[in-house]
Amino acid sequence: MEVHRELGPDYGDAVVESFLAKIDKHIEERVEQRLASARRLSRRPIDPARLSKYRTALTGAAIGAVVAGAPLSFAAWWVLKDAGGNPAPLVVIWVVLLAVYGLAAYRLRRR
């Protein structure tokens, strides 16, 4: 304001533009700092103990699905075959299960 009074109304627009440019530069610097800190925080290390628990749980779920699901699938296939039905949906179910467990294993792979 003091500079505005000293220079007079002829330079008023230039003073305001200079002030706004300084504010804009300051805001850009603060935004860049926040973005840089947000990028650093998003990459936290994976806890090895928790990862091991996830792997153990995935292994147990996969073994349980095979141990319980295989005999049930064979029994259902046998019944469907004898009744003249189509056992193809069982194949689709197993393909989906393999895809889900494969994706989970890929995500939890050892690095």
PDB file of N, CA and C in Angstrom:
ATOM      1  N   MET A   1       0.827  -1.188   0.000  1.00  0.00           N
ATOM      2  CA  MET A   1       0.000   0.000   0.000  1.00  0.00           C
ATOM      3  C   MET A   1       0.873   1.254   0.000  1.00  0.00           C
ATOM      4  N   GLU A   2       1.965   1.199   0.732  1.00  0.00           N
ATOM      5  CA  GLU A   2       2.843   2.351   0.807  1.00  0.00           C
ATOM      6  C   GLU A   2       3.449   2.662  -0.560  1.00  0.00           C
ATOM      7  N   VAL A   3       3.866   1.613  -1.290  1.00  0.00           N
ATOM      8  CA  VAL A   3       4.421   1.804  -2.626  1.00  0.00           C
ATOM      9  C   VAL A   3       3.347   2.380  -3.549  1.00  0.00           C
ATOM     10  N   HIS A   4       2.135   1.920  -3.381  1.00  0.00           N
ATOM     11  CA  HIS A   4       1.021   2.414  -4.206  1.00  0.00           C
ATOM     12  C   HIS A   4       0.815   3.912  -3.988  1.00  0.00           C
ATOM     13  N   ARG A   5       0.930   4.343  -2.725  1.00  0.00           N
ATOM     14  CA  ARG A   5       0.755   5.773  -2.426  1.00  0.00           C
ATOM     15  C   ARG A   5       1.911   6.600  -2.978  1.00  0.00           C
ATOM     16  N   GLU A   6       3.138   6.046  -2.904  1.00  0.00           N
ATOM     17  CA  GLU A   6       4.298   6.793  -3.368  1.00  0.00           C
ATOM     18  C   GLU A   6       4.311   6.950  -4.890  1.00  0.00           C
ATOM     19  N   LEU A   7       3.931   5.875  -5.599  1.00  0.00           N
ATOM     20  CA  LEU A   7       3.988   5.924  -7.059  1.00  0.00           C
ATOM     21  C   LEU A   7       2.783   6.604  -7.680  1.00  0.00           C
ATOM     22  N   GLY A   8       1.683   6.575  -6.987  1.00  0.00           N
ATOM     23  CA  GLY A   8       0.487   7.226  -7.515  1.00  0.00           C
ATOM     24  C   GLY A   8      -0.375   6.260  -8.309  1.00  0.00           C
ATOM     25  N   PRO A   9      -1.501   6.774  -8.791  1.00  0.00           N
ATOM     26  CA  PRO A   9      -2.472   5.909  -9.470  1.00  0.00           C
ATOM     27  C   PRO A   9      -2.003   5.386 -10.832  1.00  0.00           C
ATOM     28  N   ASP A  10      -1.010   6.035 -11.440  1.00  0.00           N
ATOM     29  CA  ASP A  10      -0.537   5.588 -12.751  1.00  0.00           C
ATOM     30  C   ASP A  10       0.119   4.197 -12.683  1.00  0.00           C
ATOM     31  N   TYR A  11       0.744   3.904 -11.586  1.00  0.00           N
ATOM     32  CA  TYR A  11       1.442   2.631 -11.434  1.00  0.00           C
ATOM     33  C   TYR A  11       0.659   1.634 -10.575  1.00  0.00           C
ATOM     34  N   GLY A  12      -0.557   1.909 -10.274  1.00  0.00           N
ATOM     35  CA  GLY A  12      -1.369   1.058  -9.388  1.00  0.00           C
ATOM     36  C   GLY A  12      -1.537  -0.346  -9.933  1.00  0.00           C
ATOM     37  N   ASP A  13      -1.828  -0.457 -11.240  1.00  0.00           N
ATOM     38  CA  ASP A  13      -2.016  -1.777 -11.825  1.00  0.00           C
ATOM     39  C   ASP A  13      -0.721  -2.589 -11.785  1.00  0.00           C
ATOM     40  N   ALA A  14       0.391  -1.963 -12.025  1.00  0.00           N
ATOM     41  CA  ALA A  14       1.682  -2.656 -12.010  1.00  0.00           C
ATOM     42  C   ALA A  14       2.006  -3.160 -10.607  1.00  0.00           C
ATOM     43  N   VAL A  15       1.704  -2.356  -9.596  1.00  0.00           N
ATOM     44  CA  VAL A  15       1.957  -2.765  -8.211  1.00  0.00           C
ATOM     45  C   VAL A  15       1.085  -3.964  -7.848  1.00  0.00           C
ATOM     46  N   VAL A  16      -0.179  -3.923  -8.232  1.00  0.00           N
ATOM     47  CA  VAL A  16      -1.095  -5.026  -7.932  1.00  0.00           C
ATOM     48  C   VAL A  16      -0.653  -6.295  -8.664  1.00  0.00           C
ATOM     49  N   GLU A  17      -0.266  -6.176  -9.929  1.00  0.00           N
ATOM     50  CA  GLU A  17       0.186  -7.337 -10.689  1.00  0.00           C
ATOM     51  C   GLU A  17       1.442  -7.942 -10.065  1.00  0.00           C
ATOM     52  N   SER A  18       2.364  -7.104  -9.624  1.00  0.00           N
ATOM     53  CA  SER A  18       3.582  -7.585  -8.983  1.00  0.00           C
ATOM     54  C   SER A  18       3.251  -8.329  -7.686  1.00  0.00           C
ATOM     55  N   PHE A  19       2.341  -7.776  -6.921  1.00  0.00           N
ATOM     56  CA  PHE A  19       1.919  -8.404  -5.664  1.00  0.00           C
ATOM     57  C   PHE A  19       1.260  -9.760  -5.937  1.00  0.00           C
ATOM     58  N   LEU A  20       0.373  -9.810  -6.920  1.00  0.00           N
ATOM     59  CA  LEU A  20      -0.301 -11.057  -7.253  1.00  0.00           C
ATOM     60  C   LEU A  20       0.683 -12.104  -7.785  1.00  0.00           C
ATOM     61  N   ALA A  21       1.692 -11.664  -8.527  1.00  0.00           N
ATOM     62  CA  ALA A  21       2.695 -12.600  -9.040  1.00  0.00           C
ATOM     63  C   ALA A  21       3.484 -13.219  -7.885  1.00  0.00           C
ATOM     64  N   LYS A  22       3.807 -12.407  -6.876  1.00  0.00           N
ATOM     65  CA  LYS A  22       4.524 -12.937  -5.707  1.00  0.00           C
ATOM     66  C   LYS A  22       3.664 -13.941  -4.944  1.00  0.00           C
ATOM     67  N   ILE A  23       2.388 -13.640  -4.794  1.00  0.00           N
ATOM     68  CA  ILE A  23       1.477 -14.554  -4.099  1.00  0.00           C
ATOM     69  C   ILE A  23       1.345 -15.857  -4.892  1.00  0.00           C
ATOM     70  N   ASP A  24       1.215 -15.753  -6.207  1.00  0.00           N
ATOM     71  CA  ASP A  24       1.088 -16.925  -7.058  1.00  0.00           C
ATOM     72  C   ASP A  24       2.328 -17.818  -6.945  1.00  0.00           C
ATOM     73  N   LYS A  25       3.501 -17.203  -6.958  1.00  0.00           N
ATOM     74  CA  LYS A  25       4.744 -17.960  -6.833  1.00  0.00           C
ATOM     75  C   LYS A  25       4.813 -18.665  -5.483  1.00  0.00           C
ATOM     76  N   HIS A  26       4.411 -17.986  -4.437  1.00  0.00           N
ATOM     77  CA  HIS A  26       4.419 -18.572  -3.095  1.00  0.00           C
ATOM     78  C   HIS A  26       3.455 -19.765  -3.017  1.00  0.00           C
ATOM     79  N   ILE A  27       2.283 -19.626  -3.599  1.00  0.00           N
ATOM     80  CA  ILE A  27       1.296 -20.718  -3.587  1.00  0.00           C
ATOM     81  C   ILE A  27       1.823 -21.914  -4.370  1.00  0.00           C
ATOM     82  N   GLU A  28       2.438 -21.684  -5.525  1.00  0.00           N
ATOM     83  CA  GLU A  28       2.991 -22.775  -6.321  1.00  0.00           C
ATOM     84  C   GLU A  28       4.066 -23.532  -5.554  1.00  0.00           C
ATOM     85  N   GLU A  29       4.924 -22.820  -4.823  1.00  0.00           N
ATOM     86  CA  GLU A  29       5.962 -23.466  -4.033  1.00  0.00           C
ATOM     87  C   GLU A  29       5.352 -24.357  -2.950  1.00  0.00           C
ATOM     88  N   ARG A  30       4.311 -23.872  -2.290  1.00  0.00           N
ATOM     89  CA  ARG A  30       3.662 -24.658  -1.237  1.00  0.00           C
ATOM     90  C   ARG A  30       2.984 -25.894  -1.805  1.00  0.00           C
ATOM     91  N   VAL A  31       2.357 -25.757  -2.959  1.00  0.00           N
ATOM     92  CA  VAL A  31       1.716 -26.915  -3.592  1.00  0.00           C
ATOM     93  C   VAL A  31       2.766 -27.955  -3.969  1.00  0.00           C
ATOM     94  N   GLU A  32       3.875 -27.520  -4.531  1.00  0.00           N
ATOM     95  CA  GLU A  32       4.952 -28.446  -4.894  1.00  0.00           C
ATOM     96  C   GLU A  32       5.491 -29.169  -3.661  1.00  0.00           C
ATOM     97  N   GLN A  33       5.646 -28.462  -2.549  1.00  0.00           N
ATOM     98  CA  GLN A  33       6.115 -29.095  -1.316  1.00  0.00           C
ATOM     99  C   GLN A  33       5.138 -30.163  -0.838  1.00  0.00           C
ATOM    100  N   ARG A  34       3.849 -29.858  -0.875  1.00  0.00           N
ATOM    101  CA  ARG A  34       2.836 -30.832  -0.439  1.00  0.00           C
ATOM    102  C   ARG A  34       2.809 -32.048  -1.347  1.00  0.00           C
ATOM    103  N   LEU A  35       2.894 -31.833  -2.647  1.00  0.00           N
ATOM    104  CA  LEU A  35       2.894 -32.958  -3.573  1.00  0.00           C
ATOM    105  C   LEU A  35       4.121 -33.834  -3.374  1.00  0.00           C
ATOM    106  N   ALA A  36       5.262 -33.212  -3.144  1.00  0.00           N
ATOM    107  CA  ALA A  36       6.486 -33.980  -2.923  1.00  0.00           C
ATOM    108  C   ALA A  36       6.388 -34.811  -1.646  1.00  0.00           C
ATOM    109  N   SER A  37       5.840 -34.239  -0.585  1.00  0.00           N
ATOM    110  CA  SER A  37       5.704 -34.994   0.666  1.00  0.00           C
ATOM    111  C   SER A  37       4.655 -36.087   0.535  1.00  0.00           C
ATOM    112  N   ALA A  38       3.608 -35.866  -0.238  1.00  0.00           N
ATOM    113  CA  ALA A  38       2.568 -36.897  -0.440  1.00  0.00           C
ATOM    114  C   ALA A  38       3.139 -38.069  -1.223  1.00  0.00           C
ATOM    115  N   ARG A  39       3.989 -37.816  -2.190  1.00  0.00           N
ATOM    116  CA  ARG A  39       4.604 -38.897  -2.966  1.00  0.00           C
ATOM    117  C   ARG A  39       5.514 -39.735  -2.092  1.00  0.00           C
ATOM    118  N   ARG A  40       6.242 -39.102  -1.190  1.00  0.00           N
ATOM    119  CA  ARG A  40       7.139 -39.840  -0.299  1.00  0.00           C
ATOM    120  C   ARG A  40       6.361 -40.705   0.671  1.00  0.00           C
ATOM    121  N   LEU A  41       5.230 -40.229   1.165  1.00  0.00           N
ATOM    122  CA  LEU A  41       4.461 -40.970   2.150  1.00  0.00           C
ATOM    123  C   LEU A  41       3.733 -42.164   1.547  1.00  0.00           C
ATOM    124  N   SER A  42       3.426 -42.133   0.266  1.00  0.00           N
ATOM    125  CA  SER A  42       2.673 -43.215  -0.334  1.00  0.00           C
ATOM    126  C   SER A  42       3.497 -44.491  -0.493  1.00  0.00           C
ATOM    127  N   ARG A  43       4.793 -44.407  -0.446  1.00  0.00           N
ATOM    128  CA  ARG A  43       5.666 -45.561  -0.604  1.00  0.00           C
ATOM    129  C   ARG A  43       6.250 -45.978   0.736  1.00  0.00           C
ATOM    130  N   ARG A  44       5.443 -46.625   1.543  1.00  0.00           N
ATOM    131  CA  ARG A  44       5.977 -47.087   2.819  1.00  0.00           C
ATOM    132  C   ARG A  44       6.405 -48.536   2.673  1.00  0.00           C
ATOM    133  N   PRO A  45       7.399 -48.955   3.433  1.00  0.00           N
ATOM    134  CA  PRO A  45       7.874 -50.332   3.314  1.00  0.00           C
ATOM    135  C   PRO A  45       6.837 -51.326   3.841  1.00  0.00           C
ATOM    136  N   ILE A  46       6.830 -52.522   3.247  1.00  0.00           N
ATOM    137  CA  ILE A  46       5.897 -53.566   3.656  1.00  0.00           C
ATOM    138  C   ILE A  46       6.478 -54.293   4.864  1.00  0.00           C
ATOM    139  N   ASP A  47       5.640 -54.496   5.860  1.00  0.00           N
ATOM    140  CA  ASP A  47       6.053 -55.202   7.067  1.00  0.00           C
ATOM    141  C   ASP A  47       6.233 -56.685   6.738  1.00  0.00           C
ATOM    142  N   PRO A  48       7.431 -57.237   6.900  1.00  0.00           N
ATOM    143  CA  PRO A  48       7.666 -58.632   6.548  1.00  0.00           C
ATOM    144  C   PRO A  48       6.808 -59.617   7.356  1.00  0.00           C
ATOM    145  N   ALA A  49       6.549 -59.315   8.624  1.00  0.00           N
ATOM    146  CA  ALA A  49       5.731 -60.213   9.438  1.00  0.00           C
ATOM    147  C   ALA A  49       4.294 -60.264   8.913  1.00  0.00           C
ATOM    148  N   ARG A  50       3.741 -59.115   8.568  1.00  0.00           N
ATOM    149  CA  ARG A  50       2.372 -59.071   8.038  1.00  0.00           C
ATOM    150  C   ARG A  50       2.307 -59.763   6.676  1.00  0.00           C
ATOM    151  N   LEU A  51       3.309 -59.550   5.840  1.00  0.00           N
ATOM    152  CA  LEU A  51       3.344 -60.195   4.540  1.00  0.00           C
ATOM    153  C   LEU A  51       3.415 -61.707   4.698  1.00  0.00           C
ATOM    154  N   SER A  52       4.175 -62.180   5.661  1.00  0.00           N
ATOM    155  CA  SER A  52       4.272 -63.616   5.923  1.00  0.00           C
ATOM    156  C   SER A  52       2.921 -64.175   6.368  1.00  0.00           C
ATOM    157  N   LYS A  53       2.197 -63.423   7.189  1.00  0.00           N
ATOM    158  CA  LYS A  53       0.865 -63.870   7.619  1.00  0.00           C
ATOM    159  C   LYS A  53      -0.086 -63.960   6.442  1.00  0.00           C
ATOM    160  N   TYR A  54      -0.031 -62.990   5.541  1.00  0.00           N
ATOM    161  CA  TYR A  54      -0.887 -63.012   4.354  1.00  0.00           C
ATOM    162  C   TYR A  54      -0.567 -64.224   3.479  1.00  0.00           C
ATOM    163  N   ARG A  55       0.732 -64.496   3.312  1.00  0.00           N
ATOM    164  CA  ARG A  55       1.131 -65.649   2.505  1.00  0.00           C
ATOM    165  C   ARG A  55       0.644 -66.950   3.134  1.00  0.00           C
ATOM    166  N   THR A  56       0.762 -67.051   4.451  1.00  0.00           N
ATOM    167  CA  THR A  56       0.297 -68.247   5.143  1.00  0.00           C
ATOM    168  C   THR A  56      -1.213 -68.412   4.994  1.00  0.00           C
ATOM    169  N   ALA A  57      -1.951 -67.321   5.132  1.00  0.00           N
ATOM    170  CA  ALA A  57      -3.400 -67.373   4.982  1.00  0.00           C
ATOM    171  C   ALA A  57      -3.783 -67.765   3.554  1.00  0.00           C
ATOM    172  N   LEU A  58      -3.091 -67.221   2.572  1.00  0.00           N
ATOM    173  CA  LEU A  58      -3.372 -67.563   1.178  1.00  0.00           C
ATOM    174  C   LEU A  58      -3.070 -69.030   0.909  1.00  0.00           C
ATOM    175  N   THR A  59      -1.972 -69.527   1.438  1.00  0.00           N
ATOM    176  CA  THR A  59      -1.630 -70.936   1.264  1.00  0.00           C
ATOM    177  C   THR A  59      -2.698 -71.827   1.879  1.00  0.00           C
ATOM    178  N   GLY A  60      -3.137 -71.500   3.092  1.00  0.00           N
ATOM    179  CA  GLY A  60      -4.184 -72.281   3.745  1.00  0.00           C
ATOM    180  C   GLY A  60      -5.490 -72.258   2.984  1.00  0.00           C
ATOM    181  N   ALA A  61      -5.854 -71.092   2.455  1.00  0.00           N
ATOM    182  CA  ALA A  61      -7.096 -70.983   1.692  1.00  0.00           C
ATOM    183  C   ALA A  61      -7.015 -71.799   0.401  1.00  0.00           C
ATOM    184  N   ALA A  62      -5.875 -71.764  -0.261  1.00  0.00           N
ATOM    185  CA  ALA A  62      -5.719 -72.525  -1.501  1.00  0.00           C
ATOM    186  C   ALA A  62      -5.767 -74.022  -1.230  1.00  0.00           C
ATOM    187  N   ILE A  63      -5.073 -74.473  -0.188  1.00  0.00           N
ATOM    188  CA  ILE A  63      -5.094 -75.893   0.162  1.00  0.00           C
ATOM    189  C   ILE A  63      -6.505 -76.319   0.564  1.00  0.00           C
ATOM    190  N   GLY A  64      -7.186 -75.492   1.346  1.00  0.00           N
ATOM    191  CA  GLY A  64      -8.551 -75.804   1.750  1.00  0.00           C
ATOM    192  C   GLY A  64      -9.497 -75.885   0.571  1.00  0.00           C
ATOM    193  N   ALA A  65      -9.332 -74.987  -0.401  1.00  0.00           N
ATOM    194  CA  ALA A  65     -10.191 -75.016  -1.587  1.00  0.00           C
ATOM    195  C   ALA A  65      -9.973 -76.291  -2.386  1.00  0.00           C
ATOM    196  N   VAL A  66      -8.724 -76.725  -2.500  1.00  0.00           N
ATOM    197  CA  VAL A  66      -8.446 -77.944  -3.260  1.00  0.00           C
ATOM    198  C   VAL A  66      -8.917 -79.173  -2.502  1.00  0.00           C
ATOM    199  N   VAL A  67      -8.615 -79.251  -1.191  1.00  0.00           N
ATOM    200  CA  VAL A  67      -8.979 -80.425  -0.397  1.00  0.00           C
ATOM    201  C   VAL A  67     -10.494 -80.586  -0.305  1.00  0.00           C
ATOM    202  N   ALA A  68     -11.214 -79.506  -0.103  1.00  0.00           N
ATOM    203  CA  ALA A  68     -12.673 -79.596   0.006  1.00  0.00           C
ATOM    204  C   ALA A  68     -13.344 -79.523  -1.356  1.00  0.00           C
ATOM    205  N   GLY A  69     -12.808 -78.735  -2.255  1.00  0.00           N
ATOM    206  CA  GLY A  69     -13.471 -78.504  -3.527  1.00  0.00           C
ATOM    207  C   GLY A  69     -13.286 -79.600  -4.549  1.00  0.00           C
ATOM    208  N   ALA A  70     -12.128 -80.239  -4.578  1.00  0.00           N
ATOM    209  CA  ALA A  70     -11.883 -81.274  -5.585  1.00  0.00           C
ATOM    210  C   ALA A  70     -12.846 -82.447  -5.436  1.00  0.00           C
ATOM    211  N   PRO A  71     -12.986 -83.049  -4.251  1.00  0.00           N
ATOM    212  CA  PRO A  71     -13.945 -84.160  -4.139  1.00  0.00           C
ATOM    213  C   PRO A  71     -15.381 -83.737  -4.425  1.00  0.00           C
ATOM    214  N   LEU A  72     -15.757 -82.552  -3.965  1.00  0.00           N
ATOM    215  CA  LEU A  72     -17.111 -82.072  -4.239  1.00  0.00           C
ATOM    216  C   LEU A  72     -17.325 -81.828  -5.728  1.00  0.00           C
ATOM    217  N   SER A  73     -16.298 -81.317  -6.398  1.00  0.00           N
ATOM    218  CA  SER A  73     -16.410 -81.079  -7.839  1.00  0.00           C
ATOM    219  C   SER A  73     -16.521 -82.393  -8.605  1.00  0.00           C
ATOM    220  N   PHE A  74     -15.730 -83.392  -8.199  1.00  0.00           N
ATOM    221  CA  PHE A  74     -15.821 -84.685  -8.864  1.00  0.00           C
ATOM    222  C   PHE A  74     -17.189 -85.322  -8.638  1.00  0.00           C
ATOM    223  N   ALA A  75     -17.708 -85.206  -7.434  1.00  0.00           N
ATOM    224  CA  ALA A  75     -19.043 -85.756  -7.150  1.00  0.00           C
ATOM    225  C   ALA A  75     -20.105 -85.031  -7.973  1.00  0.00           C
ATOM    226  N   ALA A  76     -20.022 -83.709  -8.049  1.00  0.00           N
ATOM    227  CA  ALA A  76     -20.998 -82.947  -8.837  1.00  0.00           C
ATOM    228  C   ALA A  76     -20.874 -83.274 -10.316  1.00  0.00           C
ATOM    229  N   TRP A  77     -19.642 -83.423 -10.791  1.00  0.00           N
ATOM    230  CA  TRP A  77     -19.430 -83.778 -12.193  1.00  0.00           C
ATOM    231  C   TRP A  77     -20.049 -85.141 -12.494  1.00  0.00           C
ATOM    232  N   TRP A  78     -19.839 -86.092 -11.587  1.00  0.00           N
ATOM    233  CA  TRP A  78     -20.382 -87.445 -11.767  1.00  0.00           C
ATOM    234  C   TRP A  78     -21.912 -87.416 -11.818  1.00  0.00           C
ATOM    235  N   VAL A  79     -22.524 -86.653 -10.902  1.00  0.00           N
ATOM    236  CA  VAL A  79     -23.985 -86.547 -10.876  1.00  0.00           C
ATOM    237  C   VAL A  79     -24.491 -85.854 -12.137  1.00  0.00           C
ATOM    238  N   LEU A  80     -23.852 -84.782 -12.540  1.00  0.00           N
ATOM    239  CA  LEU A  80     -24.278 -84.073 -13.751  1.00  0.00           C
ATOM    240  C   LEU A  80     -24.123 -84.936 -14.999  1.00  0.00           C
ATOM    241  N   LYS A  81     -23.039 -85.705 -15.051  1.00  0.00           N
ATOM    242  CA  LYS A  81     -22.797 -86.564 -16.212  1.00  0.00           C
ATOM    243  C   LYS A  81     -23.859 -87.655 -16.311  1.00  0.00           C
ATOM    244  N   ASP A  82     -24.185 -88.270 -15.175  1.00  0.00           N
ATOM    245  CA  ASP A  82     -25.196 -89.322 -15.171  1.00  0.00           C
ATOM    246  C   ASP A  82     -26.595 -88.781 -15.452  1.00  0.00           C
ATOM    247  N   ALA A  83     -26.862 -87.545 -15.037  1.00  0.00           N
ATOM    248  CA  ALA A  83     -28.187 -86.952 -15.242  1.00  0.00           C
ATOM    249  C   ALA A  83     -28.313 -86.326 -16.629  1.00  0.00           C
ATOM    250  N   GLY A  84     -27.248 -86.366 -17.405  1.00  0.00           N
ATOM    251  CA  GLY A  84     -27.301 -85.784 -18.743  1.00  0.00           C
ATOM    252  C   GLY A  84     -27.063 -84.290 -18.765  1.00  0.00           C
ATOM    253  N   GLY A  85     -26.588 -83.736 -17.660  1.00  0.00           N
ATOM    254  CA  GLY A  85     -26.333 -82.299 -17.595  1.00  0.00           C
ATOM    255  C   GLY A  85     -24.960 -81.943 -18.139  1.00  0.00           C
ATOM    256  N   ASN A  86     -24.660 -80.680 -18.134  1.00  0.00           N
ATOM    257  CA  ASN A  86     -23.395 -80.170 -18.652  1.00  0.00           C
ATOM    258  C   ASN A  86     -22.461 -79.834 -17.482  1.00  0.00           C
ATOM    259  N   PRO A  87     -21.328 -80.529 -17.360  1.00  0.00           N
ATOM    260  CA  PRO A  87     -20.398 -80.235 -16.259  1.00  0.00           C
ATOM    261  C   PRO A  87     -19.489 -79.034 -16.533  1.00  0.00           C
ATOM    262  N   ALA A  88     -19.685 -78.305 -17.623  1.00  0.00           N
ATOM    263  CA  ALA A  88     -18.818 -77.177 -17.985  1.00  0.00           C
ATOM    264  C   ALA A  88     -18.787 -76.067 -16.924  1.00  0.00           C
ATOM    265  N   PRO A  89     -19.904 -75.765 -16.212  1.00  0.00           N
ATOM    266  CA  PRO A  89     -19.816 -74.714 -15.182  1.00  0.00           C
ATOM    267  C   PRO A  89     -18.804 -75.024 -14.084  1.00  0.00           C
ATOM    268  N   LEU A  90     -18.562 -76.303 -13.823  1.00  0.00           N
ATOM    269  CA  LEU A  90     -17.553 -76.658 -12.820  1.00  0.00           C
ATOM    270  C   LEU A  90     -16.161 -76.244 -13.281  1.00  0.00           C
ATOM    271  N   VAL A  91     -15.908 -76.396 -14.551  1.00  0.00           N
ATOM    272  CA  VAL A  91     -14.617 -75.983 -15.104  1.00  0.00           C
ATOM    273  C   VAL A  91     -14.463 -74.470 -14.984  1.00  0.00           C
ATOM    274  N   VAL A  92     -15.528 -73.742 -15.255  1.00  0.00           N
ATOM    275  CA  VAL A  92     -15.490 -72.279 -15.145  1.00  0.00           C
ATOM    276  C   VAL A  92     -15.206 -71.869 -13.701  1.00  0.00           C
ATOM    277  N   ILE A  93     -15.848 -72.539 -12.761  1.00  0.00           N
ATOM    278  CA  ILE A  93     -15.635 -72.221 -11.340  1.00  0.00           C
ATOM    279  C   ILE A  93     -14.171 -72.450 -10.970  1.00  0.00           C
ATOM    280  N   TRP A  94     -13.587 -73.564 -11.408  1.00  0.00           N
ATOM    281  CA  TRP A  94     -12.186 -73.844 -11.078  1.00  0.00           C
ATOM    282  C   TRP A  94     -11.236 -72.866 -11.763  1.00  0.00           C
ATOM    283  N   VAL A  95     -11.546 -72.457 -12.969  1.00  0.00           N
ATOM    284  CA  VAL A  95     -10.702 -71.470 -13.658  1.00  0.00           C
ATOM    285  C   VAL A  95     -10.735 -70.137 -12.920  1.00  0.00           C
ATOM    286  N   VAL A  96     -11.913 -69.749 -12.455  1.00  0.00           N
ATOM    287  CA  VAL A  96     -12.034 -68.491 -11.695  1.00  0.00           C
ATOM    288  C   VAL A  96     -11.255 -68.598 -10.388  1.00  0.00           C
ATOM    289  N   LEU A  97     -11.395 -69.728  -9.693  1.00  0.00           N
ATOM    290  CA  LEU A  97     -10.638 -69.919  -8.439  1.00  0.00           C
ATOM    291  C   LEU A  97      -9.134 -69.856  -8.681  1.00  0.00           C
ATOM    292  N   LEU A  98      -8.671 -70.510  -9.726  1.00  0.00           N
ATOM    293  CA  LEU A  98      -7.239 -70.468 -10.042  1.00  0.00           C
ATOM    294  C   LEU A  98      -6.786 -69.050 -10.366  1.00  0.00           C
ATOM    295  N   ALA A  99      -7.612 -68.307 -11.080  1.00  0.00           N
ATOM    296  CA  ALA A  99      -7.243 -66.924 -11.424  1.00  0.00           C
ATOM    297  C   ALA A  99      -7.162 -66.061 -10.168  1.00  0.00           C
ATOM    298  N   VAL A 100      -8.128 -66.217  -9.262  1.00  0.00           N
ATOM    299  CA  VAL A 100      -8.132 -65.409  -8.033  1.00  0.00           C
ATOM    300  C   VAL A 100      -6.919 -65.739  -7.174  1.00  0.00           C
ATOM    301  N   TYR A 101      -6.658 -67.035  -6.974  1.00  0.00           N
ATOM    302  CA  TYR A 101      -5.498 -67.419  -6.157  1.00  0.00           C
ATOM    303  C   TYR A 101      -4.183 -67.062  -6.851  1.00  0.00           C
ATOM    304  N   GLY A 102      -4.153 -67.160  -8.160  1.00  0.00           N
ATOM    305  CA  GLY A 102      -2.942 -66.776  -8.885  1.00  0.00           C
ATOM    306  C   GLY A 102      -2.656 -65.289  -8.762  1.00  0.00           C
ATOM    307  N   LEU A 103      -3.703 -64.473  -8.862  1.00  0.00           N
ATOM    308  CA  LEU A 103      -3.522 -63.029  -8.710  1.00  0.00           C
ATOM    309  C   LEU A 103      -3.074 -62.673  -7.296  1.00  0.00           C
ATOM    310  N   ALA A 104      -3.681 -63.315  -6.302  1.00  0.00           N
ATOM    311  CA  ALA A 104      -3.279 -63.052  -4.919  1.00  0.00           C
ATOM    312  C   ALA A 104      -1.837 -63.484  -4.675  1.00  0.00           C
ATOM    313  N   ALA A 105      -1.447 -64.625  -5.223  1.00  0.00           N
ATOM    314  CA  ALA A 105      -0.063 -65.081  -5.059  1.00  0.00           C
ATOM    315  C   ALA A 105       0.908 -64.130  -5.751  1.00  0.00           C
ATOM    316  N   TYR A 106       0.522 -63.619  -6.907  1.00  0.00           N
ATOM    317  CA  TYR A 106       1.384 -62.662  -7.607  1.00  0.00           C
ATOM    318  C   TYR A 106       1.565 -61.397  -6.782  1.00  0.00           C
ATOM    319  N   ARG A 107       0.469 -60.927  -6.176  1.00  0.00           N
ATOM    320  CA  ARG A 107       0.562 -59.705  -5.358  1.00  0.00           C
ATOM    321  C   ARG A 107       1.408 -59.900  -4.101  1.00  0.00           C
ATOM    322  N   LEU A 108       1.429 -61.128  -3.578  1.00  0.00           N
ATOM    323  CA  LEU A 108       2.172 -61.403  -2.343  1.00  0.00           C
ATOM    324  C   LEU A 108       3.517 -62.082  -2.611  1.00  0.00           C
ATOM    325  N   ARG A 109       3.998 -62.048  -3.837  1.00  0.00           N
ATOM    326  CA  ARG A 109       5.245 -62.731  -4.181  1.00  0.00           C
ATOM    327  C   ARG A 109       6.413 -62.162  -3.385  1.00  0.00           C
ATOM    328  N   ARG A 110       7.404 -62.977  -3.273  1.00  0.00           N
ATOM    329  CA  ARG A 110       8.618 -62.541  -2.552  1.00  0.00           C
ATOM    330  C   ARG A 110       9.392 -61.576  -3.425  1.00  0.00           C
ATOM    331  N   ARG A 111       9.887 -60.537  -2.815  1.00  0.00           N
ATOM    332  CA  ARG A 111      10.620 -59.513  -3.577  1.00  0.00           C
ATOM    333  C   ARG A 111      12.057 -59.515  -3.192  1.00  0.00           C
TER     334      ARG A 111
END
